[in-house]
Protein backbone atom coordinates (compact mmCIF):
# COMPACT_ATOMS: atom_id res chain seq x y z
CA MET A 1 -63.13 20.85 1.04
CA LYS A 2 -63.73 19.40 4.50
CA LEU A 3 -65.95 21.63 6.65
CA GLU A 4 -64.35 21.67 10.09
CA VAL A 5 -66.95 23.80 11.91
CA ASP A 6 -70.41 22.28 12.39
CA VAL A 7 -72.14 25.51 13.43
CA LEU A 8 -70.89 29.09 13.17
CA ILE A 9 -72.93 31.69 15.07
CA ILE A 10 -72.69 35.29 13.85
CA PHE A 11 -74.00 38.16 15.97
CA SER A 12 -73.65 41.78 16.98
CA ASP A 13 -71.44 42.48 20.01
CA LYS A 14 -74.28 44.50 21.52
CA ASP A 15 -76.37 41.32 21.72
CA ASN A 16 -73.79 39.54 23.88
CA GLU A 17 -73.09 42.16 26.53
CA THR A 18 -72.80 40.79 30.07
CA LEU A 19 -75.17 42.07 32.75
CA GLN A 20 -74.61 41.78 36.49
CA GLY A 21 -71.87 39.22 36.06
CA GLN A 22 -74.02 36.86 33.96
CA GLN A 23 -72.95 35.42 30.62
CA GLY A 24 -74.07 37.28 27.52
CA TRP A 25 -77.22 36.24 25.64
CA VAL A 26 -75.34 34.71 22.69
CA THR A 27 -72.90 32.85 24.95
CA GLN A 28 -75.85 31.33 26.81
CA PHE A 29 -77.53 30.47 23.51
CA LYS A 30 -74.37 28.69 22.29
CA LYS A 31 -74.15 26.68 25.52
CA PHE A 32 -77.75 25.48 25.23
CA LEU A 33 -77.47 24.72 21.50
CA ASP A 34 -74.29 22.73 22.19
CA LEU A 35 -76.16 20.74 24.84
CA MET A 36 -79.13 20.02 22.59
CA LEU A 37 -77.09 19.15 19.47
CA THR A 38 -74.90 16.78 21.48
CA GLN A 39 -78.02 14.81 22.39
CA VAL A 40 -79.32 14.79 18.82
CA LEU A 41 -76.01 13.97 17.10
CA GLY A 42 -74.73 11.54 19.70
CA SER A 43 -71.40 13.39 19.75
CA LYS A 44 -70.19 16.86 20.68
CA PRO A 45 -70.52 19.35 17.79
CA ASN A 46 -67.94 21.97 16.91
CA ILE A 47 -69.80 25.26 17.50
CA LEU A 48 -67.95 28.58 17.23
CA LEU A 49 -68.91 32.22 17.74
CA LYS A 50 -68.07 35.03 15.33
CA SER A 51 -68.95 38.54 16.47
CA GLU A 52 -68.85 41.58 14.23
CA TYR A 53 -65.52 42.78 15.66
CA ASP A 54 -63.45 39.69 16.32
CA ASN A 55 -59.73 39.10 15.94
CA MET A 56 -57.67 37.72 13.06
CA ALA A 57 -57.80 34.20 14.52
CA SER A 58 -61.59 34.06 14.24
CA PRO A 59 -63.19 31.17 12.31
CA LYS A 60 -63.44 31.52 8.55
CA LEU A 61 -66.85 31.82 6.98
CA ASP A 62 -66.06 29.30 4.23
CA ASN A 63 -65.14 26.56 6.70
CA ALA A 64 -68.51 26.12 8.41
CA ALA A 65 -71.21 23.59 7.56
CA THR A 66 -74.06 25.74 8.90
CA LEU A 67 -74.51 29.37 9.88
CA VAL A 68 -76.80 30.67 12.63
CA SER A 69 -77.50 34.40 12.48
CA ILE A 70 -78.76 36.06 15.67
CA LEU A 71 -81.22 38.64 14.37
CA SER A 72 -81.91 41.85 16.26
CA PRO A 73 -82.04 45.58 15.48
CA TYR A 74 -78.30 45.72 16.29
CA PHE A 75 -77.56 42.95 13.76
CA ILE A 76 -79.52 44.72 11.03
CA GLN A 77 -77.69 48.00 11.70
CA SER A 78 -74.25 46.35 11.60
CA GLY A 79 -72.61 46.48 8.19
CA GLN A 80 -70.06 43.89 9.32
CA CYS A 81 -72.74 41.39 10.39
CA LEU A 82 -74.48 41.76 7.03
CA ASP A 83 -71.12 41.37 5.24
CA ASN A 84 -70.42 38.16 7.19
CA LEU A 85 -73.82 36.81 6.19
CA GLU A 86 -73.25 37.61 2.52
CA THR A 87 -69.73 36.13 2.58
CA PHE A 88 -71.05 32.83 3.90
CA TYR A 89 -73.78 32.71 1.25
CA GLN A 90 -71.27 33.34 -1.54
CA ALA A 91 -68.91 30.64 -0.22
CA ALA A 92 -71.80 28.16 0.03
CA GLU A 93 -72.98 28.94 -3.49
CA ALA A 94 -69.44 28.58 -4.86
CA SER A 95 -69.19 25.12 -3.28
CA GLY A 96 -72.48 24.04 -4.87
CA GLN A 97 -73.82 23.13 -1.43
CA ASN A 98 -75.95 26.09 -0.45
CA ARG A 99 -79.23 24.40 0.45
CA ASN A 100 -80.66 24.90 3.96
CA ARG A 101 -77.33 25.87 5.54
CA VAL A 102 -78.41 29.19 7.06
CA PHE A 103 -80.70 29.52 10.09
CA LYS A 104 -82.19 32.72 11.48
CA VAL A 105 -82.74 33.06 15.21
CA PHE A 106 -84.74 36.03 16.49
CA LYS A 107 -83.37 37.57 19.68
CA ASN A 108 -85.92 40.33 19.14
CA PRO A 109 -88.94 40.47 16.82
CA LEU A 110 -88.33 41.86 13.33
CA SER A 111 -90.81 42.35 10.51
CA VAL A 112 -90.19 40.62 7.19
CA GLN A 113 -89.20 43.90 5.57
CA GLU A 114 -86.65 44.61 8.30
CA GLN A 115 -84.87 41.31 7.72
CA PRO A 116 -81.98 40.91 5.23
CA PRO A 117 -83.44 39.88 1.84
CA ARG A 118 -81.42 36.65 1.91
CA LEU A 119 -83.20 35.55 5.09
CA ARG A 120 -86.80 36.55 4.48
CA GLU A 121 -88.04 33.21 3.16
CA LEU A 122 -86.29 31.13 5.83
CA ILE A 123 -88.13 29.61 8.76
CA GLY A 124 -87.31 31.58 11.92
CA TYR A 125 -86.80 30.53 15.53
CA GLU A 126 -88.19 33.06 18.04
CA MET A 127 -86.08 32.99 21.21
CA TYR A 128 -87.73 35.87 23.05
CA GLN A 129 -90.51 35.98 25.61
CA LEU A 130 -93.81 37.32 24.28
CA ASP A 131 -96.74 38.28 26.48
CA THR A 132 -99.71 37.39 24.27
CA GLU A 133 -102.07 39.65 26.22
CA THR A 134 -100.00 42.86 26.30
CA GLY A 135 -97.74 42.22 23.30
CA GLU A 136 -94.71 43.03 25.49
CA VAL A 137 -91.42 41.41 24.44
CA ARG A 138 -88.81 40.44 27.05
CA GLU A 139 -85.61 38.43 27.12
CA TYR A 140 -85.63 35.35 29.30
CA SER A 141 -84.02 35.85 32.70
CA ASP A 142 -84.86 32.33 33.88
CA TYR A 143 -84.13 29.76 31.17
CA PHE A 144 -85.67 26.95 33.21
CA SER A 145 -89.06 28.47 33.99
CA SER A 146 -92.24 26.77 32.77
CA GLU A 147 -92.70 29.52 30.17
CA ALA A 148 -89.14 29.11 28.89
CA GLU A 149 -89.75 25.39 28.62
CA ARG A 150 -92.82 26.00 26.45
CA GLN A 151 -91.24 28.61 24.17
CA TYR A 152 -87.44 28.93 24.32
CA TRP A 153 -86.60 25.24 24.70
CA MET A 154 -89.20 24.04 22.19
CA LYS A 155 -87.66 26.35 19.60
CA MET A 156 -84.17 25.21 20.62
CA VAL A 157 -85.19 21.59 20.02
CA ASP A 158 -86.62 22.53 16.60
CA LEU A 159 -83.41 24.35 15.68
CA ALA A 160 -81.19 21.47 16.83
CA TYR A 161 -83.09 18.91 14.74
CA ASP A 162 -83.09 21.18 11.68
CA ILE A 163 -79.33 21.73 11.97
CA TYR A 164 -78.86 17.99 12.43
CA ASP A 165 -80.88 17.35 9.28
CA THR A 166 -78.69 19.75 7.28
CA LEU A 167 -75.47 18.19 8.60
CA ILE A 168 -76.71 14.75 7.52
CA GLN A 169 -77.66 16.04 4.06
CA LEU A 170 -74.23 17.63 3.64
CA LYS A 171 -72.60 14.31 4.45
CA GLU A 172 -74.79 12.58 1.87
CA THR A 173 -73.65 14.90 -0.91
CA GLY A 174 -70.38 13.01 -1.11
CA THR A 175 -66.80 13.93 -1.71
CA LYS A 176 -66.91 17.68 -1.16
CA THR A 177 -67.54 17.15 2.55
CA GLU A 178 -65.40 14.00 2.57
CA VAL A 179 -68.08 11.87 4.20
CA LYS A 180 -69.44 8.68 2.65
CA ASN A 181 -73.15 8.29 2.00
CA ILE A 182 -74.56 5.45 4.11
CA PHE A 183 -78.09 5.14 2.73
CA LYS A 184 -80.49 7.27 0.76
CA ARG A 185 -83.12 8.87 2.95
CA LYS A 186 -86.80 9.19 2.20
CA THR A 187 -88.38 12.63 1.76
CA ILE A 188 -91.70 13.42 3.43
CA TYR A 189 -93.79 16.51 2.78
CA LEU A 190 -95.25 17.55 6.14
CA ALA A 191 -97.85 20.12 5.17
CA GLU A 192 -98.05 23.44 6.99
CA THR A 193 -101.03 23.62 9.34
CA GLY A 194 -103.40 26.12 10.87
CA HIS A 195 -102.17 27.90 14.00
CA ASP A 196 -103.99 25.44 16.28
CA LEU A 197 -101.81 22.50 15.19
CA SER A 198 -98.38 24.14 14.85
CA VAL A 199 -97.07 22.51 18.05
CA GLN A 200 -98.34 19.07 17.00
CA ARG A 201 -96.76 19.52 13.58
CA ASN A 202 -93.39 20.35 15.15
CA ILE A 203 -93.58 17.24 17.35
CA ILE A 204 -94.21 15.02 14.31
CA LYS A 205 -91.50 16.82 12.35
CA ARG A 206 -88.92 16.13 15.06
CA GLU A 207 -89.95 12.49 15.24
CA LEU A 208 -89.58 12.07 11.47
CA GLN A 209 -86.17 13.75 11.51
CA ARG A 210 -85.06 11.58 14.43
CA HIS A 211 -85.84 8.51 12.32
CA GLY A 212 -83.74 9.80 9.43
CA TYR A 213 -86.35 11.27 7.08
CA ILE A 214 -85.89 14.49 5.11
CA VAL A 215 -88.83 16.74 5.98
CA THR A 216 -90.08 19.50 3.68
CA PRO A 217 -90.92 22.35 3.30
CA THR A 218 -87.70 23.76 4.72
CA LYS A 219 -88.59 27.40 4.04
CA THR A 220 -91.47 29.69 4.87
CA LEU A 221 -94.15 29.29 2.21
CA PRO A 222 -94.63 32.39 0.00
CA GLY A 223 -97.54 34.71 0.68
CA ASN A 224 -98.90 34.80 -2.89
CA ILE A 225 -100.60 31.97 -4.73
CA HIS A 226 -98.26 31.90 -7.75
CA ASP A 227 -95.03 31.49 -5.77
CA LEU A 228 -96.70 29.26 -3.19
CA GLU A 229 -97.94 26.80 -5.79
CA LYS A 230 -94.52 26.68 -7.41
CA ALA A 231 -92.77 26.05 -4.07
CA VAL A 232 -95.21 23.38 -2.85
CA ARG A 233 -95.23 21.46 -6.15
CA LYS A 234 -91.41 21.49 -6.21
CA ASP A 235 -91.21 20.01 -2.71
CA LEU A 236 -93.87 17.43 -3.55
CA GLU A 237 -91.83 16.29 -6.57
CA ASP A 238 -89.14 14.91 -4.25
CA ALA A 239 -91.55 13.44 -1.68
CA GLN A 240 -92.68 9.82 -1.46
CA LEU A 241 -95.27 10.66 1.20
CA SER A 242 -97.22 13.72 2.29
CA ILE A 243 -98.76 14.16 5.73
CA HIS A 244 -101.60 16.63 6.31
CA LEU A 245 -102.85 17.63 9.78
CA ILE A 246 -106.25 19.32 9.73
CA GLY A 247 -107.78 20.95 12.79
CA SER A 248 -110.27 23.69 13.62
CA ALA A 249 -108.37 26.59 12.04
CA TYR A 250 -108.91 27.10 8.31
CA GLY A 251 -105.49 28.70 7.95
CA GLU A 252 -104.05 31.69 6.15
CA ILE A 253 -105.22 32.55 2.65
CA PRO A 254 -102.42 33.61 0.26
CA ASP A 255 -102.77 36.67 -1.94
CA GLY A 256 -104.56 35.90 -5.19
CA SER A 257 -106.47 32.89 -3.85
CA ASP A 258 -109.73 32.23 -2.05
CA ARG A 259 -108.47 29.00 -0.45
CA SER A 260 -106.24 28.50 2.59
CA ILE A 261 -102.65 27.27 2.45
CA VAL A 262 -103.80 24.10 4.26
CA GLU A 263 -106.42 23.36 1.59
CA LEU A 264 -104.11 24.23 -1.31
CA GLN A 265 -101.36 21.89 -0.11
CA ASN A 266 -103.86 19.06 0.12
CA ARG A 267 -105.14 19.81 -3.39
CA PHE A 268 -101.64 19.88 -4.93
CA ALA A 269 -100.78 16.58 -3.21
CA ALA A 270 -104.03 15.00 -4.46
CA GLU A 271 -103.15 16.08 -8.01
CA LYS A 272 -99.76 14.39 -7.72
CA SER A 273 -101.48 11.21 -6.46
CA GLN A 274 -103.59 11.13 -9.63
CA LYS A 275 -100.49 11.26 -11.83
CA VAL A 276 -98.27 8.64 -10.18
CA SER A 277 -98.73 5.15 -8.76
CA LYS A 278 -99.33 4.48 -5.08
CA ASP A 279 -95.89 2.87 -4.89
CA GLN A 280 -94.35 6.24 -5.78
CA PHE A 281 -96.44 8.56 -3.62
CA THR A 282 -99.04 8.24 -0.87
CA ARG A 283 -100.82 10.60 1.52
CA LEU A 284 -101.78 10.45 5.17
CA ILE A 285 -104.50 12.88 6.27
CA TRP A 286 -105.28 13.33 9.95
CA ILE A 287 -108.46 15.18 10.94
CA SER A 288 -108.74 16.25 14.55
CA PRO A 289 -111.64 14.54 16.37
CA LEU A 290 -112.17 17.81 18.29
CA LEU A 291 -113.61 20.41 15.90
CA ILE A 292 -115.68 22.42 18.38
CA ASN A 293 -114.46 25.84 17.21
CA ALA A 294 -114.19 25.04 13.50
CA SER A 295 -115.73 27.61 11.16
CA GLU A 296 -118.38 26.71 8.60
CA ARG A 297 -115.77 27.05 5.88
CA GLN A 298 -113.40 24.65 7.66
CA ARG A 299 -116.20 22.13 8.20
CA ALA A 300 -117.06 22.32 4.51
CA PHE A 301 -113.40 21.69 3.61
CA ILE A 302 -113.28 18.64 5.90
CA ASP A 303 -116.59 17.28 4.57
CA ASN A 304 -115.25 17.63 1.04
CA ILE A 305 -112.14 15.62 1.93
CA LYS A 306 -114.32 12.83 3.31
CA ARG A 307 -116.74 12.74 0.36
CA ASP A 308 -114.78 13.76 -2.73
CA THR A 309 -113.17 10.78 -4.47
CA GLU A 310 -110.55 13.01 -6.10
CA ALA A 311 -109.63 14.54 -2.74
CA GLN A 312 -109.22 10.99 -1.41
CA GLU A 313 -106.99 9.87 -4.31
CA GLY A 314 -103.99 7.97 -2.92
CA ALA A 315 -104.87 9.00 0.63
CA GLU A 316 -105.56 7.33 3.94
CA ILE A 317 -107.89 9.56 5.98
CA LEU A 318 -107.97 9.15 9.76
CA GLN A 319 -109.99 10.94 12.42
CA THR A 320 -108.47 9.48 15.57
CA PRO A 321 -106.58 10.72 18.65
CA LEU A 322 -103.22 12.13 17.56
CA GLU A 323 -101.21 9.43 19.36
CA ASP A 324 -103.11 6.74 17.44
CA PHE A 325 -102.36 8.56 14.20
CA LYS A 326 -98.66 8.72 15.06
CA ASN A 327 -98.60 4.96 15.65
CA ILE A 328 -100.32 4.34 12.31
CA MET A 329 -97.86 6.72 10.64
CA ARG A 330 -94.91 4.75 12.04
CA GLU A 331 -96.38 1.48 10.77
CA GLU A 332 -96.98 2.97 7.30
CA LEU A 333 -93.39 4.19 7.11
CA MET A 334 -91.94 0.87 8.25
CA GLU A 335 -94.04 -1.07 5.74
CA ALA A 336 -93.02 1.28 2.94
CA ASP A 337 -89.34 0.89 3.84
CA GLU A 338 -89.68 -2.88 3.93
CA LYS A 339 -91.41 -2.95 0.54
CA ARG A 340 -88.71 -0.77 -0.98
CA THR A 341 -86.03 -3.08 0.40
CA LEU A 342 -87.85 -6.12 -0.99
CA ASP A 343 -88.13 -4.45 -4.39
CA ASP A 344 -84.42 -3.64 -4.35
CA THR A 345 -83.33 -7.10 -3.30
CA GLY A 346 -85.81 -9.22 -5.24
CA GLY A 347 -87.19 -10.52 -1.96
CA LYS A 348 -84.02 -12.36 -0.85
CA SER A 349 -81.38 -10.82 1.36
CA ILE A 350 -78.65 -12.05 3.70
CA TYR A 351 -77.44 -9.82 6.51
CA LEU A 352 -73.71 -10.57 6.79
CA VAL A 353 -72.98 -9.35 10.32
CA HIS A 354 -69.27 -8.77 10.87
CA ASP A 355 -66.82 -6.42 12.56
CA ARG A 356 -64.62 -3.87 10.84
CA VAL A 357 -61.50 -5.97 11.62
CA ASP A 358 -62.91 -8.79 9.47
CA HIS A 359 -64.09 -6.63 6.60
CA ASN A 360 -61.50 -7.89 4.10
CA GLU A 361 -61.96 -11.52 5.18
CA VAL A 362 -65.69 -11.56 4.36
CA LYS A 363 -65.22 -10.42 0.75
CA PRO A 364 -65.04 -14.01 -0.62
CA LEU A 365 -68.26 -14.80 1.27
CA ILE A 366 -69.99 -11.78 -0.25
CA GLU A 367 -69.05 -12.96 -3.73
CA VAL A 368 -70.47 -16.45 -3.13
CA ILE A 369 -73.71 -15.11 -1.58
CA GLU A 370 -74.32 -12.66 -4.43
CA LYS A 371 -73.64 -15.31 -7.08
CA SER A 372 -76.26 -17.45 -5.35
CA GLY A 373 -78.87 -14.78 -6.07
CA TYR A 374 -78.98 -12.99 -2.72
CA LYS A 375 -78.61 -9.34 -1.92
CA VAL A 376 -75.99 -8.84 0.81
CA LEU A 377 -76.91 -6.41 3.58
CA MET A 378 -73.84 -4.97 5.30
CA PRO A 379 -73.26 -3.14 8.58
CA GLY A 380 -71.97 0.43 8.33
CA PHE A 381 -68.57 1.47 9.62
CA GLU A 382 -68.28 5.10 8.46
CA GLY A 383 -70.33 8.03 9.74
CA GLU A 384 -72.17 9.15 12.85
CA LEU A 385 -73.06 6.63 15.56
CA LEU A 386 -76.80 7.31 15.19
CA ASP A 387 -76.64 6.65 11.44
CA LEU A 388 -74.76 3.38 11.94
CA ARG A 389 -77.27 2.24 14.55
CA GLN A 390 -80.19 3.11 12.27
CA LYS A 391 -78.61 1.16 9.39
CA HIS A 392 -78.19 -1.85 11.69
CA ILE A 393 -81.85 -1.64 12.76
CA ASP A 394 -82.98 -1.33 9.13
CA ASN A 395 -81.00 -4.46 8.27
CA LEU A 396 -82.47 -6.35 11.25
CA ARG A 397 -85.93 -5.36 10.09
CA ASN A 398 -85.44 -6.40 6.46
CA PHE A 399 -83.13 -9.43 6.18
CA ASP A 400 -84.39 -12.87 5.16
CA ALA A 401 -81.51 -14.76 6.76
CA ALA A 402 -78.49 -13.68 8.76
CA ILE A 403 -74.92 -14.90 9.02
CA ILE A 404 -72.70 -13.73 11.89
CA TYR A 405 -69.04 -13.96 10.87
CA LYS A 406 -66.50 -14.83 13.57
CA GLY A 407 -62.98 -14.09 12.54
CA LYS A 408 -60.76 -11.98 14.81
CA VAL A 409 -63.57 -11.09 17.23
CA ASN A 410 -64.21 -12.88 20.54
CA ASP A 411 -67.19 -14.95 21.68
CA GLN A 412 -68.66 -12.04 23.66
CA TRP A 413 -68.94 -9.97 20.45
CA VAL A 414 -70.73 -12.89 18.75
CA ARG A 415 -73.13 -13.26 21.70
CA MET A 416 -74.07 -9.57 21.44
CA LYS A 417 -74.89 -9.96 17.75
CA VAL A 418 -76.93 -13.11 18.43
CA LEU A 419 -78.96 -11.09 20.94
CA ASP A 420 -79.56 -8.44 18.26
CA LEU A 421 -80.98 -11.12 15.97
CA LEU A 422 -83.27 -12.32 18.75
CA LYS A 423 -84.52 -8.74 19.22
CA ALA A 424 -85.17 -8.23 15.49
CA PRO A 425 -88.97 -8.81 15.73
CA GLY A 426 -89.15 -5.90 18.17
CA PHE A 427 -87.92 -3.53 15.45
CA GLY A 428 -91.08 -4.05 13.41
CA ARG A 429 -90.31 -7.10 11.24
CA LYS A 430 -93.27 -8.24 9.14
CA LYS A 431 -91.79 -11.47 7.71
CA PRO A 432 -90.35 -14.66 9.22
CA ILE A 433 -86.61 -15.25 9.54
CA LYS A 434 -85.53 -18.03 7.18
CA GLY A 435 -82.36 -18.83 9.04
CA LYS A 436 -79.63 -17.66 11.42
CA ALA A 437 -76.07 -18.90 11.53
CA VAL A 438 -72.68 -18.24 13.07
CA PHE A 439 -69.91 -18.82 10.56
CA ALA A 440 -66.51 -19.37 12.18
CA ALA A 441 -63.55 -18.70 9.92
CA THR A 442 -60.75 -21.20 9.46
CA GLY A 443 -58.68 -21.21 12.65
CA ALA A 444 -61.25 -19.27 14.67
CA SER A 445 -62.30 -20.98 17.89
CA LEU A 446 -65.92 -20.93 19.05
CA ASN A 447 -67.44 -22.04 22.36
CA LEU A 448 -70.32 -24.14 21.10
CA GLU A 449 -71.86 -24.51 24.58
CA ALA A 450 -72.48 -20.75 24.72
CA PHE A 451 -74.83 -20.93 21.73
CA LYS A 452 -76.98 -23.92 22.62
CA ASN A 453 -80.78 -23.51 22.43
CA GLN A 454 -80.49 -20.33 20.34
CA ASN A 455 -82.01 -21.81 17.16
CA LEU A 456 -78.70 -21.13 15.43
CA ARG A 457 -76.79 -23.07 12.81
CA ILE A 458 -73.09 -23.19 13.75
CA VAL A 459 -70.76 -23.59 10.76
CA GLN A 460 -67.00 -24.11 10.98
CA ALA A 461 -65.42 -23.13 7.67
CA ASP A 462 -63.90 -25.95 5.67
CA PRO A 463 -60.24 -24.92 5.24
CA ARG A 464 -60.19 -26.69 1.88
CA ASP A 465 -63.34 -25.09 0.47
CA THR A 466 -64.83 -22.09 2.30
CA ALA A 467 -67.11 -21.32 -0.66
CA GLN A 468 -68.75 -24.74 -0.42
CA SER A 469 -69.38 -24.21 3.30
CA ILE A 470 -71.36 -21.05 2.50
CA LYS A 471 -73.22 -22.66 -0.41
CA SER A 472 -74.36 -25.52 1.82
CA LEU A 473 -75.61 -23.02 4.39
CA LEU A 474 -77.58 -21.08 1.77
CA GLU A 475 -79.21 -24.30 0.58
CA GLU A 476 -80.39 -24.93 4.15
CA PHE A 477 -81.90 -21.44 4.26
CA ASN A 478 -83.81 -22.21 1.06
CA GLY A 479 -85.01 -25.57 2.32
């Protein structure tokens, strides 16, 4: 079944009442989420509202990809809101696609026990104004104040990226959402931190999501050691990398343990490192260079990480400014992606750059290239614009040689693709380019003057033997 609604927002009517001619709270929230998701997705999302007492033409709960519940005392007291929530869960479970599709937004603070049982373990997004000195809770009246920028909008950005991540995962599941999978994404375990690094963790999380990685954990970690260990180990099973940020705060200690959640996550990741090869799983540990307020216990934990060989198993430990760590993290991820591509392709790959209109015409070329022992990298034509761009960048980063196919396209299109090849080193390439060529199909004209001094091989297909034209080009690449 195709899911026609990207985001369905359910709420109590009381939470969207208009005051002094202004839009209701939920209507404002929808407007801002729409704005943020448009930037993240690269296209306008389909976001709909569903109040507790709407009409017969309201959106169906089984036709939405994600559900955002606006939690408040009014929501909890509304039987219809709770029924809508349960109906969505049942529809998601029946479809077999019920992972990470529900998001809880707090309009007002609620304790864990006050929340619906279905939502208690989910990560929440607090959209209210909290005075840390008095404990007073207020709704924002000015959404563009400096305080709103620090709290409301930061949470809105987090929510938008998390919804984006779920939409991408739904598309990767295949036929039930009628969207083709473009490429398998890497999973990274970004360990929960002490309270002093929560903002920095969110910044890194958004950056990883923006580059197409699946980031776990996606739920609030349990408060007891038994369930916490089970949840963390399960997430680590799917991860190829774990990232641990360690600052001055020791962190919360779960029931039944004498160690913090921060320390336990690092220990479980170290144990996985001892069981698998470095190619399968690695760790990055960042220790803040500013530990002025760190407790004796936290300092002992950090010293143990630095000294203990088991704690260092499969890990790179860095105590640098955070920006330096982020740069190192990017390099590590790019190198890992390149290595995986080399492993998959046997070290030889040809990027066959072509337009959708020529997709059928390049099939004979693909056959010849593959029979010659090369892996063919292809541009994407189905899916979101951001995904297609990322696939193109990945191909530019990883190809050994590239062939631009000119069939029905014009010279301007070819020039744009030649420029992309020239920019390839800027995307983080670590290996030399063995060759670049423009292959003009039989009957296709090409202005040779436009491509002088570009270090390009220009090949006009032999109408009698196109296959031989490609074979000769591949031999030049190998020379």
